[in-house]
Amino acid sequence: MALPKGRQSKARGRKRRTHYKAASVPTTSCPQCSQTKMSHRACPSCGYYKGRPVLSTTD
């Protein structure tokens, strides 16, 4: 198996990782209140998920 002859510098390793970027979070609009929410999660503003209330939003 091949082994590296010398240590790679921090800059060289970081240059290689410049394309590893975090993907943006997919958002959709809530069918109940039309606010933006994350996919497959309960709406933080109205508390509905798949047409049912699952979170209580009364403060």
N, C-alpha and C. Protein backbone atom coordinates (compact mmCIF):
# COMPACT_ATOMS: atom_id res chain seq x y z
N MET A 1 0.85 -1.18 0.00
CA MET A 1 0.00 0.00 0.00
C MET A 1 0.89 1.24 0.00
N ALA A 2 0.49 2.23 -0.75
CA ALA A 2 1.29 3.45 -0.85
C ALA A 2 1.14 4.30 0.40
N LEU A 3 2.25 4.89 0.81
CA LEU A 3 2.26 5.78 1.97
C LEU A 3 2.78 7.15 1.55
N PRO A 4 2.27 8.22 2.12
CA PRO A 4 2.79 9.53 1.76
C PRO A 4 4.21 9.73 2.30
N LYS A 5 5.06 10.35 1.48
CA LYS A 5 6.45 10.56 1.90
C LYS A 5 6.58 11.68 2.91
N GLY A 6 5.73 12.69 2.78
CA GLY A 6 5.82 13.82 3.70
C GLY A 6 4.45 14.25 4.17
N ARG A 7 4.46 15.06 5.18
CA ARG A 7 3.20 15.55 5.74
C ARG A 7 2.62 16.62 4.83
N GLN A 8 1.32 16.59 4.64
CA GLN A 8 0.67 17.65 3.87
C GLN A 8 0.44 18.85 4.79
N SER A 9 0.59 20.01 4.23
CA SER A 9 0.37 21.21 5.02
C SER A 9 -1.12 21.41 5.28
N LYS A 10 -1.44 22.23 6.27
CA LYS A 10 -2.83 22.53 6.58
C LYS A 10 -3.52 23.21 5.41
N ALA A 11 -2.81 24.11 4.74
CA ALA A 11 -3.39 24.83 3.62
C ALA A 11 -3.74 23.88 2.47
N ARG A 12 -2.89 22.91 2.23
CA ARG A 12 -3.14 21.98 1.12
C ARG A 12 -4.36 21.11 1.40
N GLY A 13 -4.49 20.66 2.64
CA GLY A 13 -5.67 19.87 3.00
C GLY A 13 -6.93 20.70 2.95
N ARG A 14 -6.84 21.95 3.34
CA ARG A 14 -8.01 22.84 3.31
C ARG A 14 -8.40 23.21 1.89
N LYS A 15 -7.41 23.33 0.99
CA LYS A 15 -7.70 23.59 -0.42
C LYS A 15 -8.50 22.44 -1.02
N ARG A 16 -8.17 21.24 -0.62
CA ARG A 16 -8.87 20.07 -1.14
C ARG A 16 -10.31 20.02 -0.65
N ARG A 17 -10.57 20.54 0.53
CA ARG A 17 -11.91 20.49 1.12
C ARG A 17 -12.76 21.72 0.81
N THR A 18 -12.36 22.57 -0.13
CA THR A 18 -13.13 23.78 -0.40
C THR A 18 -14.48 23.47 -1.01
N HIS A 19 -14.64 22.31 -1.63
CA HIS A 19 -15.89 21.98 -2.29
C HIS A 19 -16.85 21.22 -1.38
N TYR A 20 -16.46 20.93 -0.14
CA TYR A 20 -17.35 20.25 0.79
C TYR A 20 -18.21 21.32 1.46
N LYS A 21 -19.37 21.57 0.91
CA LYS A 21 -20.22 22.63 1.44
C LYS A 21 -21.51 22.03 1.98
N ALA A 22 -22.06 22.66 2.97
CA ALA A 22 -23.32 22.20 3.54
C ALA A 22 -24.46 22.53 2.58
N ALA A 23 -25.37 21.60 2.43
CA ALA A 23 -26.52 21.83 1.55
C ALA A 23 -27.53 22.73 2.26
N SER A 24 -28.27 23.50 1.48
CA SER A 24 -29.27 24.37 2.08
C SER A 24 -30.46 23.54 2.56
N VAL A 25 -31.12 24.01 3.58
CA VAL A 25 -32.23 23.29 4.18
C VAL A 25 -33.46 23.41 3.27
N PRO A 26 -34.07 22.29 2.86
CA PRO A 26 -35.25 22.40 2.01
C PRO A 26 -36.45 22.92 2.80
N THR A 27 -37.07 23.96 2.30
CA THR A 27 -38.23 24.54 2.98
C THR A 27 -39.45 24.48 2.06
N THR A 28 -40.60 24.36 2.65
CA THR A 28 -41.87 24.37 1.93
C THR A 28 -42.80 25.34 2.63
N SER A 29 -43.94 25.59 2.03
CA SER A 29 -44.92 26.46 2.69
C SER A 29 -45.95 25.59 3.39
N CYS A 30 -46.38 26.02 4.54
CA CYS A 30 -47.37 25.29 5.33
C CYS A 30 -48.73 25.41 4.66
N PRO A 31 -49.46 24.31 4.46
CA PRO A 31 -50.78 24.41 3.83
C PRO A 31 -51.82 25.08 4.73
N GLN A 32 -51.59 25.11 6.05
CA GLN A 32 -52.56 25.72 6.97
C GLN A 32 -52.40 27.23 7.05
N CYS A 33 -51.15 27.68 7.28
CA CYS A 33 -50.95 29.11 7.53
C CYS A 33 -50.07 29.79 6.48
N SER A 34 -49.54 29.06 5.52
CA SER A 34 -48.72 29.56 4.42
C SER A 34 -47.38 30.15 4.86
N GLN A 35 -46.92 29.82 6.05
CA GLN A 35 -45.59 30.22 6.49
C GLN A 35 -44.58 29.20 5.99
N THR A 36 -43.32 29.59 5.87
CA THR A 36 -42.30 28.64 5.45
C THR A 36 -41.92 27.75 6.63
N LYS A 37 -41.70 26.47 6.32
CA LYS A 37 -41.32 25.51 7.35
C LYS A 37 -40.38 24.49 6.73
N MET A 38 -39.65 23.76 7.55
CA MET A 38 -38.79 22.70 7.06
C MET A 38 -39.63 21.52 6.63
N SER A 39 -39.18 20.80 5.62
CA SER A 39 -39.91 19.65 5.11
C SER A 39 -39.98 18.54 6.16
N HIS A 40 -41.08 17.85 6.21
CA HIS A 40 -41.31 16.70 7.10
C HIS A 40 -41.19 17.08 8.58
N ARG A 41 -41.56 18.32 8.91
CA ARG A 41 -41.54 18.76 10.30
C ARG A 41 -42.84 19.52 10.58
N ALA A 42 -43.22 19.59 11.82
CA ALA A 42 -44.41 20.35 12.20
C ALA A 42 -44.13 21.84 12.01
N CYS A 43 -45.15 22.58 11.63
CA CYS A 43 -45.00 24.02 11.41
C CYS A 43 -44.79 24.71 12.76
N PRO A 44 -43.74 25.51 12.90
CA PRO A 44 -43.51 26.18 14.18
C PRO A 44 -44.50 27.29 14.48
N SER A 45 -45.16 27.84 13.45
CA SER A 45 -46.07 28.96 13.70
C SER A 45 -47.48 28.49 14.06
N CYS A 46 -47.98 27.44 13.38
CA CYS A 46 -49.35 27.00 13.69
C CYS A 46 -49.40 25.65 14.40
N GLY A 47 -48.32 24.86 14.33
CA GLY A 47 -48.27 23.58 15.04
C GLY A 47 -48.91 22.42 14.32
N TYR A 48 -49.22 22.57 13.04
CA TYR A 48 -49.87 21.49 12.29
C TYR A 48 -48.83 20.67 11.53
N TYR A 49 -49.12 19.37 11.38
CA TYR A 49 -48.33 18.48 10.54
C TYR A 49 -49.28 17.49 9.89
N LYS A 50 -49.26 17.42 8.58
CA LYS A 50 -50.14 16.56 7.79
C LYS A 50 -51.62 16.80 8.11
N GLY A 51 -51.99 18.07 8.28
CA GLY A 51 -53.38 18.42 8.50
C GLY A 51 -53.89 18.23 9.90
N ARG A 52 -53.05 17.87 10.84
CA ARG A 52 -53.47 17.67 12.24
C ARG A 52 -52.65 18.55 13.16
N PRO A 53 -53.25 19.02 14.25
CA PRO A 53 -52.45 19.78 15.23
C PRO A 53 -51.61 18.82 16.06
N VAL A 54 -50.31 19.03 16.06
CA VAL A 54 -49.41 18.18 16.85
C VAL A 54 -48.65 18.96 17.90
N LEU A 55 -48.56 20.29 17.74
CA LEU A 55 -47.91 21.13 18.73
C LEU A 55 -48.89 22.17 19.24
N SER A 56 -48.82 22.45 20.51
CA SER A 56 -49.66 23.53 21.03
C SER A 56 -48.89 24.83 20.89
N THR A 57 -49.48 25.80 20.25
CA THR A 57 -48.80 27.07 20.01
C THR A 57 -49.32 28.19 20.91
N THR A 58 -50.17 27.87 21.88
CA THR A 58 -50.66 28.89 22.80
C THR A 58 -49.59 29.21 23.84
N ASP A 59 -49.32 30.47 24.03
CA ASP A 59 -48.30 30.90 25.01
C ASP A 59 -48.92 31.56 26.20
